[in-house]
Amino acid sequence: MNPISIMGVLPLRGSDEQGSGYFGAPRRGGRTHNGIDIAAPPGTEILSPIDGKVTKHGYPYKDDLTFRYIQITSSQNFHHRFFYLDPLLELGADAEEGFIIGRVQDLTSRYRGITSHFHYEIKTEWGEYLNPTELYLQENSTAGEAQAKVVKMPPAFKRYLEKHRKGS
């Protein structure tokens, strides 16, 4: 299977039997979705959209250690976390934009009727979650479907950095 880059165009997960994949979507217990879900078939190799260092490998579910995530921390101390990927980079490794970071895992054994996807979230050093759609992704609503395309340092990202670096 050829590697897929979120720097190219990938569809965002819409709504399915398990909910919606957009930022802020409602979750059980009054929570909201802290990232976006990008549709991709199991086994798809995902490329890093940023330069950084692998600072964490983790497990999203305490009751099932088959599902994994990888965290890449950028030079701005933003934690880019990719859930439902089998990590292919070791902890402490440098991750450059375009490096293969992991393979999409099959979620259907845990969530019946879910669209195959990986979850992408950005967490600041202050504990805030940023909407990757606003910072890195552009939606093509005229075509009637959301599409993701990573762009270099968009204005919203620059404004966010300027706002928070002045106050720190």
Protein backbone atom coordinates (compact mmCIF):
# COMPACT_ATOMS: atom_id res chain seq x y z
CA MET A 1 0.00 0.00 0.00
CA ASN A 2 1.39 3.44 -0.90
CA PRO A 3 1.99 5.94 1.93
CA ILE A 4 -0.67 8.62 2.34
CA SER A 5 0.15 12.14 3.33
CA ILE A 6 -2.26 14.47 5.04
CA MET A 7 -0.29 17.03 3.06
CA GLY A 8 -2.19 15.67 0.10
CA VAL A 9 -5.95 15.40 -0.02
CA LEU A 10 -7.71 12.99 2.32
CA PRO A 11 -11.38 13.07 3.25
CA LEU A 12 -12.39 13.92 6.78
CA ARG A 13 -14.54 11.28 8.46
CA GLY A 14 -18.13 12.45 8.36
CA SER A 15 -20.92 10.94 10.44
CA ASP A 16 -21.42 7.21 10.84
CA GLU A 17 -23.01 4.84 13.39
CA GLN A 18 -20.41 5.88 15.99
CA GLY A 19 -20.69 9.65 15.64
CA SER A 20 -18.87 12.40 13.74
CA GLY A 21 -15.20 13.04 13.15
CA TYR A 22 -15.11 16.83 13.14
CA PHE A 23 -13.50 19.01 15.83
CA GLY A 24 -15.90 19.77 18.66
CA ALA A 25 -18.35 16.97 17.80
CA PRO A 26 -20.32 15.82 20.86
CA ARG A 27 -19.13 12.72 22.71
CA ARG A 28 -20.58 10.65 25.55
CA GLY A 29 -20.50 12.18 28.99
CA GLY A 30 -20.79 15.77 27.74
CA ARG A 31 -17.29 15.74 26.25
CA THR A 32 -16.35 17.06 22.82
CA HIS A 33 -14.03 15.67 20.15
CA ASN A 34 -10.55 17.18 20.60
CA GLY A 35 -9.31 16.57 17.07
CA ILE A 36 -10.37 15.47 13.63
CA ASP A 37 -10.76 12.03 12.10
CA ILE A 38 -9.23 11.49 8.68
CA ALA A 39 -10.63 8.57 6.70
CA ALA A 40 -8.06 6.00 5.58
CA PRO A 41 -8.18 2.23 5.16
CA PRO A 42 -6.41 -0.07 7.67
CA GLY A 43 -2.74 -0.57 6.82
CA THR A 44 -2.39 2.82 5.12
CA GLU A 45 1.00 4.36 5.91
CA ILE A 46 0.66 7.94 7.18
CA LEU A 47 3.31 10.61 6.67
CA SER A 48 4.16 13.30 9.21
CA PRO A 49 2.82 16.77 8.36
CA ILE A 50 5.47 18.41 10.59
CA ASP A 51 9.10 18.31 11.69
CA GLY A 52 9.54 17.28 15.30
CA LYS A 53 10.57 14.58 17.74
CA VAL A 54 8.63 11.47 18.79
CA THR A 55 7.92 12.21 22.45
CA LYS A 56 5.34 9.57 23.27
CA HIS A 57 3.84 6.24 22.32
CA GLY A 58 0.59 5.51 24.05
CA TYR A 59 -2.62 3.53 24.31
CA PRO A 60 -5.96 5.34 24.04
CA TYR A 61 -7.88 2.58 25.85
CA LYS A 62 -6.92 1.09 29.21
CA ASP A 63 -8.95 -2.04 28.47
CA ASP A 64 -7.40 -2.76 25.05
CA LEU A 65 -3.69 -2.37 24.37
CA THR A 66 -3.96 -3.25 20.68
CA PHE A 67 -4.78 0.36 19.75
CA ARG A 68 -1.91 2.84 19.79
CA TYR A 69 -0.99 6.46 19.25
CA ILE A 70 2.17 8.39 18.50
CA GLN A 71 2.93 11.94 19.62
CA ILE A 72 5.30 14.20 17.72
CA THR A 73 6.30 17.42 19.44
CA SER A 74 7.17 20.38 17.22
CA SER A 75 9.80 23.04 17.93
CA GLN A 76 6.90 25.27 19.09
CA ASN A 77 6.08 22.65 21.79
CA PHE A 78 2.83 21.68 20.09
CA HIS A 79 1.99 18.00 20.61
CA HIS A 80 0.68 16.49 17.37
CA ARG A 81 -1.02 13.23 18.31
CA PHE A 82 -2.05 10.57 15.83
CA PHE A 83 -4.39 7.92 17.26
CA TYR A 84 -5.18 4.49 15.80
CA LEU A 85 -1.78 4.21 14.16
CA ASP A 86 0.70 1.44 14.71
CA PRO A 87 3.82 3.61 15.32
CA LEU A 88 6.75 3.02 12.98
CA LEU A 89 9.16 5.51 14.61
CA GLU A 90 10.91 4.84 17.91
CA LEU A 91 10.48 7.05 20.95
CA GLY A 92 13.01 9.90 20.72
CA ALA A 93 13.37 9.63 16.95
CA ASP A 94 13.38 12.72 14.76
CA ALA A 95 10.27 12.92 12.60
CA GLU A 96 10.63 15.05 9.53
CA GLU A 97 7.77 16.23 7.37
CA GLY A 98 7.07 13.42 4.93
CA PHE A 99 8.48 10.58 7.11
CA ILE A 100 6.23 7.55 7.52
CA ILE A 101 5.09 7.66 11.15
CA GLY A 102 2.67 4.73 11.33
CA ARG A 103 0.05 2.50 9.78
CA VAL A 104 -3.69 2.96 10.27
CA GLN A 105 -5.21 0.34 12.56
CA ASP A 106 -8.54 -1.42 12.03
CA LEU A 107 -11.13 -0.01 14.46
CA THR A 108 -14.04 -2.23 13.40
CA SER A 109 -13.30 -4.82 16.11
CA ARG A 110 -14.00 -2.13 18.75
CA TYR A 111 -16.55 0.07 16.98
CA ARG A 112 -19.03 -1.66 14.71
CA GLY A 113 -20.11 0.50 11.75
CA ILE A 114 -17.30 3.05 12.13
CA THR A 115 -15.57 4.55 9.12
CA SER A 116 -11.92 3.49 9.02
CA HIS A 117 -9.80 6.48 10.06
CA PHE A 118 -7.01 7.87 12.18
CA HIS A 119 -7.48 10.69 14.68
CA TYR A 120 -5.29 13.83 14.53
CA GLU A 121 -5.19 16.34 17.37
CA ILE A 122 -2.92 19.20 18.35
CA LYS A 123 -2.41 19.98 22.03
CA THR A 124 -0.51 23.06 23.20
CA GLU A 125 1.98 23.12 26.06
CA TRP A 126 -0.78 24.95 28.01
CA GLY A 127 -3.17 22.00 27.66
CA GLU A 128 -5.45 23.56 25.04
CA TYR A 129 -6.62 21.62 22.01
CA LEU A 130 -6.35 23.40 18.67
CA ASN A 131 -8.65 22.73 15.77
CA PRO A 132 -6.44 21.20 13.06
CA THR A 133 -9.09 22.12 10.50
CA GLU A 134 -8.57 25.83 11.20
CA LEU A 135 -4.80 25.65 11.59
CA TYR A 136 -3.67 23.21 8.93
CA LEU A 137 -6.59 22.05 6.88
CA GLN A 138 -8.85 23.65 4.35
CA GLU A 139 -12.40 22.50 3.73
CA ASN A 140 -13.74 22.30 0.21
CA SER A 141 -17.44 22.71 0.97
CA THR A 142 -18.31 23.76 -2.58
CA ALA A 143 -17.71 20.19 -3.70
CA GLY A 144 -20.04 19.01 -0.94
CA GLU A 145 -17.37 17.04 0.90
CA ALA A 146 -14.68 18.00 3.36
CA GLN A 147 -11.13 17.47 2.15
CA ALA A 148 -7.94 17.92 4.12
CA LYS A 149 -4.80 19.60 2.86
CA VAL A 150 -1.98 20.61 5.12
CA VAL A 151 -0.48 24.00 4.37
CA LYS A 152 2.68 25.62 5.73
CA MET A 153 2.28 27.90 8.79
CA PRO A 154 -1.16 29.36 8.04
CA PRO A 155 -2.08 32.83 9.38
CA ALA A 156 -4.30 31.41 12.16
CA PHE A 157 -1.37 29.37 13.45
CA LYS A 158 0.94 32.41 13.37
CA ARG A 159 -1.64 34.52 15.26
CA TYR A 160 -2.05 31.81 17.88
CA LEU A 161 1.70 31.58 18.44
CA GLU A 162 2.10 35.35 18.68
CA LYS A 163 -0.79 35.65 21.15
CA HIS A 164 0.47 32.95 23.49
CA ARG A 165 4.20 33.58 23.28
CA LYS A 166 3.75 37.23 24.35
CA GLY A 167 1.80 36.19 27.43
CA SER A 168 4.19 33.46 28.55
